[in-house]
Amino acid sequence: MLILLSCHRTDEKFCSCMKKSKEVNALSEKIWGKDATKQDSVQLKKLISSKSKLCEAYEYINGEELLKLKADCK
């Protein structure tokens, strides 16, 4: 007996993109709060570069689709 299931798989790359975005935001807040070191600024530059690469594929996806992808990451 063959059973076909329609399953929705989580887009792990998108979830990684979201995680990296949160890291960038947290470090940005620290820097804007003036509690940062020079090393934090260097780290932020690296995180932004990494985030750009991870999130590149999602640049032109509309907001509704992005919200669906985000919901699947939880």
Protein backbone atom coordinates (compact mmCIF):
# COMPACT_ATOMS: atom_id res chain seq x y z
CA MET A 1 0.00 0.00 0.00
CA LEU A 2 1.42 3.34 -1.05
CA ILE A 3 0.46 6.40 0.92
CA LEU A 4 1.43 9.79 -0.37
CA LEU A 5 1.66 12.51 2.17
CA SER A 6 1.89 16.15 1.38
CA CYS A 7 4.33 17.44 3.91
CA HIS A 8 5.64 20.90 4.32
CA ARG A 9 9.32 20.93 5.12
CA THR A 10 11.02 23.67 7.06
CA ASP A 11 13.46 25.68 4.97
CA GLU A 12 16.56 25.31 7.15
CA LYS A 13 18.53 27.83 5.09
CA PHE A 14 15.85 30.44 5.74
CA CYS A 15 15.89 29.60 9.45
CA SER A 16 19.66 30.11 9.45
CA CYS A 17 19.11 33.44 7.72
CA MET A 18 16.65 34.47 10.42
CA LYS A 19 19.03 33.39 13.20
CA LYS A 20 21.89 35.35 11.66
CA SER A 21 19.63 38.40 11.28
CA LYS A 22 18.82 38.25 14.99
CA GLU A 23 22.53 38.11 15.81
CA VAL A 24 23.18 41.16 13.63
CA ASN A 25 20.31 43.05 15.28
CA ALA A 26 21.47 42.20 18.81
CA LEU A 27 25.04 43.30 18.15
CA SER A 28 23.83 46.45 16.36
CA GLU A 29 21.77 47.36 19.41
CA LYS A 30 24.80 46.86 21.63
CA ILE A 31 26.90 49.11 19.42
CA TRP A 32 24.21 51.82 19.23
CA GLY A 33 23.90 51.60 23.01
CA LYS A 34 27.60 52.53 23.18
CA ASP A 35 28.45 49.47 25.27
CA ALA A 36 30.51 47.97 22.48
CA THR A 37 34.19 47.39 21.90
CA LYS A 38 36.21 47.68 18.72
CA GLN A 39 36.01 43.88 18.49
CA ASP A 40 32.21 44.13 18.45
CA SER A 41 32.40 46.41 15.41
CA VAL A 42 34.69 43.96 13.63
CA GLN A 43 32.35 41.10 14.54
CA LEU A 44 29.34 43.05 13.25
CA LYS A 45 30.99 43.49 9.87
CA LYS A 46 31.59 39.72 9.65
CA LEU A 47 28.03 38.94 10.75
CA ILE A 48 26.56 41.29 8.15
CA SER A 49 28.61 39.66 5.41
CA SER A 50 27.55 36.19 6.55
CA LYS A 51 23.90 37.27 6.78
CA SER A 52 23.99 38.73 3.28
CA LYS A 53 25.19 35.43 1.85
CA LEU A 54 22.66 33.35 3.82
CA CYS A 55 19.72 35.61 3.02
CA GLU A 56 20.50 36.40 -0.61
CA ALA A 57 18.05 33.80 -1.97
CA TYR A 58 15.17 35.41 -0.05
CA GLU A 59 15.78 38.98 -1.16
CA TYR A 60 12.90 39.15 -3.64
CA ILE A 61 10.30 36.99 -1.89
CA ASN A 62 7.15 38.86 -0.92
CA GLY A 63 6.22 39.56 2.69
CA GLU A 64 3.44 36.99 2.93
CA GLU A 65 5.72 34.17 1.79
CA LEU A 66 8.45 35.32 4.17
CA LEU A 67 6.01 35.25 7.08
CA LYS A 68 5.08 31.65 6.21
CA LEU A 69 8.74 30.66 6.07
CA LYS A 70 9.38 32.42 9.37
CA ALA A 71 6.47 30.63 11.05
CA ASP A 72 7.93 27.27 9.99
CA CYS A 73 11.21 28.07 11.79
CA LYS A 74 9.66 28.06 15.26
